[in-house]
N, C-alpha and C. Protein backbone atom coordinates (compact mmCIF):
# COMPACT_ATOMS: atom_id res chain seq x y z
N MET A 1 -14.36 30.93 66.95
CA MET A 1 -13.24 30.86 66.03
C MET A 1 -12.23 31.97 66.30
N ILE A 2 -12.71 33.19 66.42
CA ILE A 2 -11.80 34.31 66.67
C ILE A 2 -11.14 34.15 68.03
N LYS A 3 -11.92 33.68 69.02
CA LYS A 3 -11.38 33.50 70.36
C LYS A 3 -10.21 32.51 70.35
N SER A 4 -10.36 31.41 69.64
CA SER A 4 -9.27 30.43 69.58
C SER A 4 -8.07 30.98 68.82
N ASP A 5 -8.30 31.81 67.81
CA ASP A 5 -7.20 32.44 67.09
C ASP A 5 -6.40 33.36 68.00
N ILE A 6 -7.10 34.10 68.84
CA ILE A 6 -6.44 35.01 69.77
C ILE A 6 -5.61 34.21 70.78
N LEU A 7 -6.18 33.11 71.30
CA LEU A 7 -5.45 32.27 72.24
C LEU A 7 -4.20 31.68 71.60
N ASP A 8 -4.30 31.27 70.33
CA ASP A 8 -3.13 30.75 69.62
C ASP A 8 -2.04 31.81 69.50
N LEU A 9 -2.43 33.05 69.19
CA LEU A 9 -1.45 34.14 69.08
C LEU A 9 -0.78 34.41 70.42
N MET A 10 -1.57 34.37 71.50
CA MET A 10 -1.01 34.60 72.83
C MET A 10 0.01 33.53 73.17
N LYS A 11 -0.27 32.29 72.85
CA LYS A 11 0.66 31.20 73.13
C LYS A 11 1.94 31.35 72.31
N GLN A 12 1.82 31.84 71.09
CA GLN A 12 3.00 32.02 70.24
C GLN A 12 3.90 33.12 70.79
N ASN A 13 3.30 34.14 71.40
CA ASN A 13 4.07 35.27 71.91
C ASN A 13 4.66 34.99 73.29
N LYS A 14 4.24 33.90 73.93
CA LYS A 14 4.73 33.57 75.26
C LYS A 14 6.17 33.06 75.18
N LYS A 15 7.03 33.67 75.95
CA LYS A 15 8.42 33.25 75.99
C LYS A 15 8.56 32.05 76.91
N GLU A 16 9.51 31.21 76.63
CA GLU A 16 9.76 30.06 77.49
C GLU A 16 10.62 30.46 78.69
N PHE A 17 11.57 31.38 78.46
CA PHE A 17 12.47 31.84 79.52
C PHE A 17 12.56 33.36 79.52
N TYR A 18 12.92 33.90 80.69
CA TYR A 18 13.17 35.33 80.85
C TYR A 18 14.54 35.52 81.48
N THR A 19 15.20 36.58 81.10
CA THR A 19 16.45 36.93 81.77
C THR A 19 16.10 37.57 83.11
N PRO A 20 17.04 37.60 84.04
CA PRO A 20 16.76 38.28 85.30
C PRO A 20 16.34 39.75 85.10
N LYS A 21 16.92 40.41 84.12
CA LYS A 21 16.56 41.80 83.85
C LYS A 21 15.10 41.91 83.39
N GLU A 22 14.67 41.01 82.51
CA GLU A 22 13.28 41.01 82.05
C GLU A 22 12.33 40.70 83.22
N PHE A 23 12.71 39.72 84.04
CA PHE A 23 11.90 39.34 85.20
C PHE A 23 11.77 40.51 86.16
N HIS A 24 12.88 41.18 86.40
CA HIS A 24 12.91 42.36 87.27
C HIS A 24 11.96 43.45 86.75
N LYS A 25 12.00 43.71 85.46
CA LYS A 25 11.15 44.75 84.87
C LYS A 25 9.67 44.38 84.92
N LYS A 26 9.36 43.11 84.73
CA LYS A 26 7.96 42.68 84.72
C LYS A 26 7.36 42.59 86.11
N THR A 27 8.20 42.32 87.11
CA THR A 27 7.68 42.11 88.46
C THR A 27 7.92 43.27 89.41
N GLY A 28 8.91 44.10 89.11
CA GLY A 28 9.26 45.18 90.03
C GLY A 28 10.18 44.73 91.15
N LEU A 29 10.52 43.44 91.16
CA LEU A 29 11.46 42.91 92.14
C LEU A 29 12.85 43.44 91.80
N ALA A 30 13.61 43.81 92.81
CA ALA A 30 14.94 44.36 92.58
C ALA A 30 15.80 43.36 91.80
N TYR A 31 16.58 43.86 90.87
CA TYR A 31 17.41 43.02 90.01
C TYR A 31 18.32 42.10 90.83
N ARG A 32 19.00 42.66 91.82
CA ARG A 32 19.92 41.86 92.64
C ARG A 32 19.16 40.79 93.43
N THR A 33 17.93 41.09 93.82
CA THR A 33 17.10 40.11 94.52
C THR A 33 16.75 38.96 93.59
N VAL A 34 16.43 39.28 92.34
CA VAL A 34 16.13 38.25 91.35
C VAL A 34 17.33 37.32 91.21
N LEU A 35 18.51 37.88 91.08
CA LEU A 35 19.72 37.07 90.97
C LEU A 35 19.93 36.19 92.21
N HIS A 36 19.72 36.76 93.37
CA HIS A 36 19.87 36.02 94.61
C HIS A 36 18.86 34.87 94.68
N TYR A 37 17.59 35.16 94.36
CA TYR A 37 16.55 34.13 94.39
C TYR A 37 16.85 33.00 93.41
N CYS A 38 17.42 33.34 92.27
CA CYS A 38 17.82 32.30 91.31
C CYS A 38 18.89 31.41 91.92
N SER A 39 19.87 32.03 92.57
CA SER A 39 21.01 31.28 93.10
C SER A 39 20.63 30.38 94.27
N ILE A 40 19.60 30.75 95.04
CA ILE A 40 19.19 29.91 96.18
C ILE A 40 18.01 29.01 95.85
N GLY A 41 17.50 29.12 94.63
CA GLY A 41 16.41 28.23 94.21
C GLY A 41 15.02 28.73 94.55
N LYS A 42 14.89 29.95 95.01
CA LYS A 42 13.57 30.50 95.31
C LYS A 42 12.81 30.82 94.03
N ILE A 43 13.53 31.11 92.97
CA ILE A 43 12.97 31.28 91.62
C ILE A 43 13.55 30.15 90.78
N LYS A 44 12.68 29.40 90.10
CA LYS A 44 13.13 28.28 89.27
C LYS A 44 13.82 28.83 88.02
N ALA A 45 15.12 28.59 87.94
CA ALA A 45 15.92 29.11 86.84
C ALA A 45 17.06 28.15 86.55
N VAL A 46 17.63 28.27 85.37
CA VAL A 46 18.75 27.42 84.97
C VAL A 46 19.88 28.27 84.43
N GLN A 47 21.07 27.70 84.49
CA GLN A 47 22.24 28.28 83.87
C GLN A 47 22.74 27.26 82.86
N ARG A 48 22.90 27.66 81.63
CA ARG A 48 23.39 26.72 80.62
C ARG A 48 24.87 26.41 80.80
N ILE A 49 25.59 27.36 81.36
CA ILE A 49 27.01 27.20 81.67
C ILE A 49 27.18 27.58 83.14
N VAL A 50 27.92 26.78 83.90
CA VAL A 50 28.16 27.10 85.30
C VAL A 50 28.75 28.50 85.40
N GLY A 51 28.11 29.33 86.21
CA GLY A 51 28.56 30.71 86.37
C GLY A 51 28.04 31.65 85.29
N GLY A 52 27.28 31.11 84.33
CA GLY A 52 26.72 31.93 83.25
C GLY A 52 25.46 32.64 83.70
N SER A 53 24.81 33.29 82.76
CA SER A 53 23.61 34.04 83.10
C SER A 53 22.43 33.09 83.35
N TRP A 54 21.51 33.54 84.17
CA TRP A 54 20.34 32.76 84.53
C TRP A 54 19.25 32.89 83.47
N LEU A 55 18.49 31.83 83.30
CA LEU A 55 17.28 31.84 82.48
C LEU A 55 16.15 31.39 83.39
N ILE A 56 15.14 32.26 83.53
CA ILE A 56 14.04 32.01 84.45
C ILE A 56 12.84 31.48 83.66
N TYR A 57 12.29 30.38 84.14
CA TYR A 57 11.14 29.77 83.47
C TYR A 57 9.92 30.70 83.47
N HIS A 58 9.18 30.66 82.37
CA HIS A 58 7.96 31.45 82.25
C HIS A 58 6.99 31.14 83.38
N SER A 59 6.91 29.87 83.78
CA SER A 59 6.00 29.47 84.85
C SER A 59 6.30 30.21 86.15
N GLU A 60 7.55 30.60 86.36
CA GLU A 60 7.91 31.35 87.55
C GLU A 60 7.33 32.76 87.52
N LEU A 61 7.31 33.36 86.34
CA LEU A 61 6.69 34.68 86.20
C LEU A 61 5.20 34.58 86.52
N GLU A 62 4.55 33.56 85.98
CA GLU A 62 3.12 33.36 86.26
C GLU A 62 2.89 33.12 87.75
N ARG A 63 3.73 32.27 88.36
CA ARG A 63 3.60 31.99 89.81
C ARG A 63 3.79 33.25 90.64
N PHE A 64 4.79 34.04 90.30
CA PHE A 64 5.07 35.28 91.03
C PHE A 64 3.88 36.23 90.92
N ILE A 65 3.33 36.39 89.74
CA ILE A 65 2.19 37.29 89.54
C ILE A 65 0.96 36.78 90.29
N ASN A 66 0.70 35.47 90.22
CA ASN A 66 -0.44 34.89 90.94
C ASN A 66 -0.28 35.04 92.44
N ASP A 67 0.92 34.79 92.96
CA ASP A 67 1.18 34.95 94.39
C ASP A 67 0.94 36.40 94.82
N ALA A 68 1.33 37.33 94.01
CA ALA A 68 1.18 38.75 94.33
C ALA A 68 -0.30 39.14 94.39
N LYS A 69 -1.12 38.52 93.56
CA LYS A 69 -2.56 38.82 93.55
C LYS A 69 -3.23 38.41 94.85
N PHE A 70 -2.76 37.31 95.45
CA PHE A 70 -3.41 36.75 96.62
C PHE A 70 -2.75 37.14 97.93
N ASN A 71 -1.66 37.88 97.89
CA ASN A 71 -0.98 38.29 99.12
C ASN A 71 -1.03 39.76 99.32
């Protein structure tokens, strides 16, 4: 019971998107590199307005962290 409660709390705290600045801080990847990777599609991200700020999917943060563990 407690274990499932903790998992529910973790899911509630999980963000759907990260800004490039947040992604940079969490991964240690250079900020300008994050922006570049977003623009070339190496990091899955969206812009709500053409030329606007990027929003990076949470799954990309998980993928980046998992890739770093195995490389």
